[in-house]
Amino acid sequence: MTWLDRYHIDGLRVDAVASMLYLDYSRKPGQWIPNKYGGRENLEAIDFLRYANSTIHKYFPGALMIAEESTAWGGVTKPAKEGGLGFDLKWNMGWMHDTLEYFKKDPIHRTWHHNQLTFGMIYQHTERFMLSFSHDEVVHGKRSLLFKMAAHSISDKARQLRALFAWMWGWPGKKTLFMGSEFGQASEWAYDKSLDWHLLQYLDHEGIRLLITDLNRFYSQNRFLCQSDYDQQSFQWINAHDANSSVLSFVRFGRQPEEVLLVVANFTPVPRPAYRVGVPREGLWVELLNTNSQKYGGTGEGNPQAVKSNPIRWDGRPHAIDLSLPGMTTLFFLLAPPPAAPDELPATVGETEDKTTSPFVSIESTGLS
């Protein structure tokens, strides 16, 4: 409480919660004493965590209590008064591990590991998860995120990392990166020296930084994404089965009919021209983010023009669009608003209209392509 009261921090991340919850954690038979019911749960630790979280939320409403808990303990983010531990968020360790293992594999082998990117949705809504590539993943010989990518050149590694970051921002859950990852630092993090900011003179690294900037802007200006993070109905797979192509697609819905994001990812270097994707709505689908953009250091291929849907049933959806999928690229599409009716047009020709509620005005003003 001192940290929150005197230092005004936003919240606390509690390390290694599992080691508190289980009496036999990292202990061999005979090295631990069961609780009064004969079980392995640490009843006093459970009571303490509930008390701590409840007390902090009582005196500091809005403060975040985040658990780094690596087991399948139920109710970590369930309120304490309902029998949970009372944390606000839990690091999604399973998603982090599976995703990084997938990207460590040579793209030619990814077809047999497709499930590592799809399995996480099975348990996605059992807790209030947040996505984290933390300090634990970039120290002690584990290599930086950039150097985990299965590629030989820095440019190819950067291209994969850009595709991974956009995939992460499209996936439900709050996002966190450890320092240096936001520009693809090459070396592991070291506590006793500065980050390698000099790498920003190279587009491979500056491009990653620009992408993170645009992803954050996109996420904050399309607020339905953060508002629907924990709504199970807001996520739908479009195609989670095309392992042969290592292509995945899903949609994120908001509360309003026009709030729909389509995410399509191609995780091999092989371009997929005229790749058909089912869509839930009829209309024009506009590519608003492309990790292969020249701005980020890519080659620029994509879908510069809005793509009109066709009344073709595909992927279990009533409409379909044909897309150009560059290799090793993640794409974001939003449904364009329908044209305004004549009586809805501004009365004065050339009058500037306030479009601050439109998901497209911010994209136009920031030059996203």
Protein backbone atom coordinates (compact mmCIF):
# COMPACT_ATOMS: atom_id res chain seq x y z
CA MET A 1 0.00 0.00 0.00
CA THR A 2 2.97 2.29 0.53
CA TRP A 3 3.87 1.96 -3.15
CA LEU A 4 0.35 3.03 -4.13
CA ASP A 5 -0.06 5.74 -1.50
CA ARG A 6 3.32 7.45 -1.38
CA TYR A 7 4.69 6.67 -4.84
CA HIS A 8 1.41 6.70 -6.82
CA ILE A 9 2.20 3.62 -8.88
CA ASP A 10 -0.57 2.16 -11.01
CA GLY A 11 -0.40 -1.35 -9.62
CA LEU A 12 1.71 -4.33 -8.67
CA ARG A 13 2.70 -7.49 -10.52
CA VAL A 14 3.12 -10.33 -8.03
CA ASP A 15 5.83 -12.79 -9.00
CA ALA A 16 5.64 -16.60 -8.73
CA VAL A 17 2.15 -16.82 -7.23
CA ALA A 18 2.17 -20.59 -7.81
CA SER A 19 5.02 -21.00 -5.30
CA MET A 20 2.74 -19.48 -2.66
CA LEU A 21 -0.38 -21.45 -3.54
CA TYR A 22 1.08 -24.96 -3.37
CA LEU A 23 2.78 -26.41 -0.30
CA ASP A 24 4.64 -28.93 -2.47
CA TYR A 25 5.88 -26.39 -5.02
CA SER A 26 9.44 -27.40 -6.01
CA ARG A 27 9.50 -29.86 -3.10
CA LYS A 28 9.93 -33.61 -3.16
CA PRO A 29 7.76 -36.07 -1.20
CA GLY A 30 8.56 -35.78 2.49
CA GLN A 31 9.71 -32.16 2.19
CA TRP A 32 6.30 -30.61 2.81
CA ILE A 33 3.42 -30.94 5.28
CA PRO A 34 -0.17 -31.18 3.96
CA ASN A 35 -2.76 -28.65 5.10
CA LYS A 36 -5.33 -29.49 7.77
CA TYR A 37 -7.54 -31.12 5.14
CA GLY A 38 -4.71 -33.28 3.83
CA GLY A 39 -4.32 -31.26 0.63
CA ARG A 40 -1.41 -29.50 -1.04
CA GLU A 41 -3.00 -26.02 -1.08
CA ASN A 42 -1.43 -23.38 1.15
CA LEU A 43 -4.55 -22.12 2.90
CA GLU A 44 -2.77 -19.28 4.71
CA ALA A 45 -1.24 -17.97 1.49
CA ILE A 46 -4.63 -18.07 -0.21
CA ASP A 47 -6.17 -16.08 2.65
CA PHE A 48 -3.32 -13.56 2.54
CA LEU A 49 -3.61 -12.98 -1.23
CA ARG A 50 -7.37 -12.46 -0.94
CA TYR A 51 -6.87 -10.07 1.97
CA ALA A 52 -4.12 -8.12 0.18
CA ASN A 53 -6.06 -7.73 -3.04
CA SER A 54 -9.31 -6.81 -1.29
CA THR A 55 -7.59 -4.25 0.92
CA ILE A 56 -5.76 -2.60 -1.98
CA HIS A 57 -8.95 -2.39 -4.05
CA LYS A 58 -10.79 -0.92 -1.07
CA TYR A 59 -8.34 1.93 -0.51
CA PHE A 60 -7.10 2.38 -4.09
CA PRO A 61 -9.94 1.72 -6.53
CA GLY A 62 -8.54 1.31 -10.00
CA ALA A 63 -5.13 0.02 -8.91
CA LEU A 64 -4.15 -3.09 -10.85
CA MET A 65 -3.07 -6.27 -9.12
CA ILE A 66 -1.48 -8.63 -11.63
CA ALA A 67 -0.56 -12.27 -11.01
CA GLU A 68 2.31 -14.14 -12.61
CA GLU A 69 0.83 -17.58 -11.96
CA SER A 70 2.03 -20.49 -14.08
CA THR A 71 -0.45 -23.25 -13.27
CA ALA A 72 -4.11 -23.92 -13.99
CA TRP A 73 -5.28 -22.72 -10.56
CA GLY A 74 -8.88 -21.61 -11.01
CA GLY A 75 -10.19 -18.18 -10.08
CA VAL A 76 -6.97 -16.19 -9.97
CA THR A 77 -8.82 -13.14 -11.36
CA LYS A 78 -12.15 -13.94 -9.76
CA PRO A 79 -13.16 -11.51 -6.97
CA ALA A 80 -12.12 -12.60 -3.50
CA LYS A 81 -15.69 -12.27 -2.22
CA GLU A 82 -16.70 -14.87 -4.82
CA GLY A 83 -14.02 -17.33 -3.78
CA GLY A 84 -11.27 -16.22 -6.15
CA LEU A 85 -7.86 -14.76 -5.36
CA GLY A 86 -8.97 -11.24 -6.30
CA PHE A 87 -6.33 -10.28 -8.87
CA ASP A 88 -7.36 -7.98 -11.72
CA LEU A 89 -5.25 -9.64 -14.41
CA LYS A 90 -3.13 -12.73 -14.94
CA TRP A 91 -0.17 -13.14 -17.25
CA ASN A 92 -1.03 -15.58 -20.01
CA MET A 93 2.01 -17.82 -19.65
CA GLY A 94 0.58 -20.54 -21.89
CA TRP A 95 -0.03 -18.16 -24.79
CA MET A 96 3.43 -16.65 -24.38
CA HIS A 97 5.22 -20.00 -24.33
CA ASP A 98 3.28 -21.57 -27.23
CA THR A 99 3.58 -18.48 -29.42
CA LEU A 100 7.33 -18.09 -28.95
CA GLU A 101 7.90 -21.81 -29.53
CA TYR A 102 5.99 -21.50 -32.81
CA PHE A 103 8.08 -18.55 -34.01
CA LYS A 104 11.32 -20.29 -33.08
CA LYS A 105 10.52 -22.99 -35.64
CA ASP A 106 11.58 -22.76 -39.26
CA PRO A 107 8.51 -21.73 -41.29
CA ILE A 108 8.73 -24.94 -43.32
CA HIS A 109 7.92 -26.90 -40.14
CA ARG A 110 5.15 -24.65 -38.83
CA THR A 111 2.43 -26.54 -40.67
CA TRP A 112 2.80 -29.33 -38.05
CA HIS A 113 2.63 -26.90 -35.12
CA HIS A 114 -0.42 -24.86 -36.14
CA ASN A 115 -2.14 -25.77 -32.87
CA GLN A 116 0.38 -23.74 -30.89
CA LEU A 117 -1.32 -20.57 -32.15
CA THR A 118 -4.89 -21.85 -31.83
CA PHE A 119 -4.88 -23.78 -28.56
CA GLY A 120 -4.83 -20.64 -26.41
CA MET A 121 -8.38 -19.71 -27.38
CA ILE A 122 -9.66 -22.86 -25.64
CA TYR A 123 -8.85 -21.36 -22.22
CA GLN A 124 -8.72 -17.66 -23.18
CA HIS A 125 -11.81 -16.70 -21.18
CA THR A 126 -11.21 -18.77 -18.06
CA GLU A 127 -9.35 -15.78 -16.57
CA ARG A 128 -8.80 -12.10 -17.30
CA PHE A 129 -5.55 -12.64 -19.16
CA MET A 130 -2.95 -10.15 -20.28
CA LEU A 131 -0.30 -10.89 -22.90
CA SER A 132 3.26 -10.41 -21.77
CA PHE A 133 6.67 -10.81 -23.32
CA SER A 134 8.53 -10.05 -20.13
CA HIS A 135 12.04 -9.76 -18.70
CA ASP A 136 12.01 -13.53 -18.16
CA GLU A 137 12.10 -14.11 -21.93
CA VAL A 138 15.11 -11.91 -22.77
CA VAL A 139 17.71 -12.83 -20.16
CA HIS A 140 19.86 -15.79 -19.01
CA GLY A 141 20.77 -17.04 -22.47
CA LYS A 142 17.21 -17.05 -23.83
CA ARG A 143 18.09 -14.42 -26.48
CA SER A 144 16.15 -11.28 -27.37
CA LEU A 145 12.73 -11.54 -29.01
CA LEU A 146 14.31 -10.56 -32.33
CA PHE A 147 16.86 -13.36 -32.17
CA LYS A 148 14.24 -15.94 -31.22
CA MET A 149 12.74 -15.57 -34.69
CA ALA A 150 13.61 -18.45 -37.03
CA ALA A 151 15.48 -16.62 -39.78
CA HIS A 152 19.05 -16.03 -40.86
CA SER A 153 19.13 -12.31 -41.66
CA ILE A 154 18.18 -9.42 -39.39
CA SER A 155 15.68 -8.20 -42.00
CA ASP A 156 13.88 -11.56 -42.04
CA LYS A 157 13.90 -11.72 -38.25
CA ALA A 158 12.46 -8.18 -38.10
CA ARG A 159 9.75 -9.13 -40.60
CA GLN A 160 8.72 -12.08 -38.43
CA LEU A 161 8.76 -10.02 -35.25
CA ARG A 162 6.53 -7.38 -36.87
CA ALA A 163 4.06 -10.09 -37.88
CA LEU A 164 4.14 -11.49 -34.33
CA PHE A 165 3.53 -8.09 -32.70
CA ALA A 166 0.49 -7.35 -34.89
CA TRP A 167 -0.85 -10.83 -34.12
CA MET A 168 -0.40 -10.05 -30.42
CA TRP A 169 -2.21 -6.71 -30.66
CA GLY A 170 -5.12 -8.33 -32.49
CA TRP A 171 -5.49 -11.12 -29.94
CA PRO A 172 -7.76 -10.42 -26.93
CA GLY A 173 -6.05 -9.29 -23.72
CA LYS A 174 -3.97 -6.35 -22.57
CA LYS A 175 -0.46 -6.10 -24.02
CA THR A 176 2.94 -5.63 -22.38
CA LEU A 177 6.48 -5.72 -23.76
CA PHE A 178 9.73 -5.61 -21.86
CA MET A 179 12.09 -2.74 -22.65
CA GLY A 180 14.07 -3.07 -25.87
CA SER A 181 11.57 -5.37 -27.55
CA GLU A 182 9.67 -2.38 -28.95
CA PHE A 183 12.51 -1.73 -31.41
CA GLY A 184 13.85 -5.26 -31.77
CA GLN A 185 16.97 -5.02 -29.65
CA ALA A 186 19.43 -7.63 -30.87
CA SER A 187 21.20 -8.44 -27.62
CA GLU A 188 19.71 -9.73 -24.40
CA TRP A 189 18.70 -7.19 -21.80
CA ALA A 190 21.41 -6.28 -19.30
CA TYR A 191 20.70 -4.42 -16.07
CA ASP A 192 24.05 -2.62 -16.08
CA LYS A 193 23.94 -0.93 -19.47
CA SER A 194 21.68 1.16 -21.66
CA LEU A 195 19.34 -0.17 -24.30
CA ASP A 196 20.82 -0.27 -27.81
CA TRP A 197 19.09 2.89 -28.99
CA HIS A 198 21.73 3.34 -31.69
CA LEU A 199 20.03 0.53 -33.64
CA LEU A 200 17.23 2.93 -34.55
CA GLN A 201 19.42 4.27 -37.34
CA TYR A 202 18.57 1.04 -39.20
CA LEU A 203 15.09 0.62 -40.70
CA ASP A 204 14.78 -2.98 -39.51
CA HIS A 205 14.74 -1.66 -35.93
CA GLU A 206 13.13 1.73 -36.52
CA GLY A 207 10.41 -0.05 -38.49
CA ILE A 208 9.54 -2.19 -35.47
CA ARG A 209 9.36 0.94 -33.32
CA LEU A 210 7.07 2.65 -35.83
CA LEU A 211 4.86 -0.43 -35.98
CA ILE A 212 4.48 -0.53 -32.19
CA THR A 213 3.56 3.16 -32.26
CA ASP A 214 0.89 2.53 -34.90
CA LEU A 215 -0.42 -0.58 -33.17
CA ASN A 216 -0.84 1.36 -29.92
CA ARG A 217 -2.59 4.18 -31.76
CA PHE A 218 -4.84 1.77 -33.62
CA TYR A 219 -5.72 -0.07 -30.40
CA SER A 220 -6.52 3.10 -28.46
CA GLN A 221 -8.52 4.76 -31.24
CA ASN A 222 -10.60 1.65 -31.94
CA ARG A 223 -11.78 1.40 -28.38
CA PHE A 224 -14.06 -1.57 -28.97
CA LEU A 225 -10.93 -3.74 -28.97
CA CYS A 226 -10.03 -2.97 -25.36
CA GLN A 227 -13.68 -2.86 -24.30
CA SER A 228 -14.34 -6.35 -25.65
CA ASP A 229 -11.14 -8.03 -24.46
CA TYR A 230 -13.00 -10.17 -21.93
CA ASP A 231 -16.25 -10.72 -23.83
CA GLN A 232 -16.25 -14.29 -25.08
CA GLN A 233 -18.73 -13.41 -27.84
CA SER A 234 -16.43 -10.75 -29.28
CA PHE A 235 -13.96 -13.22 -30.82
CA GLN A 236 -14.61 -15.61 -33.70
CA TRP A 237 -12.20 -17.68 -35.72
CA ILE A 238 -12.65 -17.25 -39.45
CA ASN A 239 -10.19 -19.99 -40.38
CA ALA A 240 -8.03 -21.72 -37.80
CA HIS A 241 -7.47 -24.85 -39.89
CA ASP A 242 -5.28 -23.85 -42.84
CA ALA A 243 -2.15 -25.41 -41.42
CA ASN A 244 -0.85 -26.25 -44.90
CA SER A 245 -0.48 -22.54 -45.66
CA SER A 246 0.21 -21.44 -42.06
CA VAL A 247 -2.48 -18.78 -42.51
CA LEU A 248 -4.89 -17.86 -39.72
CA SER A 249 -7.76 -15.39 -39.61
CA PHE A 250 -10.21 -14.18 -36.98
CA VAL A 251 -12.56 -11.29 -36.25
CA ARG A 252 -13.01 -9.10 -33.19
CA PHE A 253 -16.46 -7.57 -32.65
CA GLY A 254 -17.57 -4.54 -30.66
CA ARG A 255 -21.02 -3.64 -29.42
CA GLN A 256 -21.95 -1.63 -32.51
CA PRO A 257 -22.59 -3.26 -35.92
CA GLU A 258 -19.80 -1.27 -37.57
CA GLU A 259 -17.24 -2.32 -34.95
CA VAL A 260 -15.52 -5.30 -36.49
CA LEU A 261 -11.81 -5.98 -37.02
CA LEU A 262 -10.55 -8.70 -39.37
CA VAL A 263 -7.05 -10.05 -38.65
CA VAL A 264 -5.32 -12.21 -41.28
CA ALA A 265 -1.81 -13.58 -40.76
CA ASN A 266 0.49 -15.47 -43.10
CA PHE A 267 3.35 -17.01 -41.11
CA THR A 268 5.47 -18.38 -43.94
CA PRO A 269 7.56 -16.38 -46.47
CA VAL A 270 5.34 -17.67 -49.30
CA PRO A 271 3.00 -14.97 -50.74
CA ARG A 272 -0.64 -16.01 -51.10
CA PRO A 273 -2.22 -14.05 -53.97
CA ALA A 274 -6.01 -14.17 -54.30
CA TYR A 275 -6.37 -15.85 -50.91
CA ARG A 276 -10.08 -16.12 -50.11
CA VAL A 277 -11.28 -15.26 -46.61
CA GLY A 278 -14.84 -15.49 -45.32
CA VAL A 279 -16.23 -12.33 -43.72
CA PRO A 280 -19.25 -11.82 -41.48
CA ARG A 281 -20.47 -8.62 -43.14
CA GLU A 282 -21.09 -7.36 -46.63
CA GLY A 283 -19.27 -4.25 -47.82
CA LEU A 284 -15.84 -2.76 -48.42
CA TRP A 285 -12.99 -4.05 -46.27
CA VAL A 286 -10.14 -1.58 -45.88
CA GLU A 287 -6.58 -2.63 -45.05
CA LEU A 288 -5.54 -0.30 -42.25
CA LEU A 289 -2.40 -1.99 -41.03
CA ASN A 290 0.10 -4.11 -42.94
CA THR A 291 3.31 -5.28 -41.26
CA ASN A 292 4.87 -5.58 -44.73
CA SER A 293 4.52 -1.84 -45.33
CA GLN A 294 7.63 -0.09 -46.68
CA LYS A 295 7.25 2.30 -43.75
CA TYR A 296 8.26 -0.54 -41.44
CA GLY A 297 10.96 -1.99 -43.68
CA GLY A 298 8.78 -4.36 -45.71
CA THR A 299 8.40 -4.70 -49.45
CA GLY A 300 5.05 -2.92 -49.65
CA GLU A 301 2.82 -5.61 -51.17
CA GLY A 302 -0.67 -5.83 -49.79
CA ASN A 303 -4.13 -4.50 -50.52
CA PRO A 304 -3.88 -0.75 -51.16
CA GLN A 305 -7.45 -0.57 -52.45
CA ALA A 306 -10.54 -1.44 -50.44
CA VAL A 307 -11.67 -5.00 -51.11
CA LYS A 308 -15.36 -5.52 -51.92
CA SER A 309 -17.03 -8.59 -50.51
CA ASN A 310 -18.76 -11.10 -52.74
CA PRO A 311 -21.92 -13.05 -51.82
CA ILE A 312 -19.98 -16.31 -51.72
CA ARG A 313 -20.32 -18.55 -48.70
CA TRP A 314 -16.79 -19.25 -47.43
CA ASP A 315 -15.28 -20.29 -44.09
CA GLY A 316 -18.83 -20.66 -42.82
CA ARG A 317 -19.54 -16.97 -43.48
CA PRO A 318 -22.11 -15.48 -45.90
CA HIS A 319 -19.59 -13.34 -47.78
CA ALA A 320 -15.96 -13.57 -48.89
CA ILE A 321 -13.10 -11.33 -49.96
CA ASP A 322 -10.04 -12.21 -52.05
CA LEU A 323 -6.86 -10.83 -50.55
CA SER A 324 -3.22 -10.54 -51.47
CA LEU A 325 -1.29 -11.96 -48.51
CA PRO A 326 2.43 -11.07 -48.53
CA GLY A 327 4.74 -13.60 -46.96
CA MET A 328 5.35 -13.34 -43.20
CA THR A 329 2.78 -10.59 -42.71
CA THR A 330 -0.15 -9.76 -40.45
CA LEU A 331 -2.93 -7.56 -41.84
CA PHE A 332 -5.72 -5.59 -40.13
CA PHE A 333 -8.96 -4.77 -41.98
CA LEU A 334 -11.90 -2.64 -40.88
CA LEU A 335 -15.28 -2.53 -42.54
CA ALA A 336 -15.76 0.79 -44.32
CA PRO A 337 -18.83 2.77 -43.25
CA PRO A 338 -21.63 2.87 -45.82
CA PRO A 339 -21.91 6.03 -47.96
CA ALA A 340 -23.90 8.81 -46.34
CA ALA A 341 -27.43 9.35 -47.60
CA PRO A 342 -28.00 12.68 -49.43
CA ASP A 343 -29.93 14.15 -46.50
CA GLU A 344 -27.03 13.28 -44.16
CA LEU A 345 -24.41 15.20 -46.14
CA PRO A 346 -23.12 18.52 -44.74
CA ALA A 347 -25.28 21.47 -45.70
CA THR A 348 -22.29 23.51 -46.84
CA VAL A 349 -20.09 22.13 -49.60
CA GLY A 350 -16.50 21.84 -48.41
CA GLU A 351 -17.45 22.21 -44.77
CA THR A 352 -15.10 20.27 -42.49
CA GLU A 353 -16.96 17.49 -40.74
CA ASP A 354 -16.10 16.31 -37.26
CA LYS A 355 -15.14 12.66 -37.72
CA THR A 356 -13.54 12.02 -34.38
CA THR A 357 -15.79 9.01 -33.78
CA SER A 358 -14.78 7.36 -37.04
CA PRO A 359 -12.18 4.58 -36.82
CA PHE A 360 -10.72 5.88 -40.10
CA VAL A 361 -9.96 9.50 -39.30
CA SER A 362 -7.03 8.61 -37.07
CA ILE A 363 -5.61 6.27 -39.67
CA GLU A 364 -5.82 8.91 -42.38
CA SER A 365 -4.18 11.51 -40.20
CA THR A 366 -1.28 9.25 -39.21
CA GLY A 367 -0.56 7.88 -42.65
CA LEU A 368 -1.21 4.21 -41.86
CA SER A 369 -1.38 2.13 -45.01
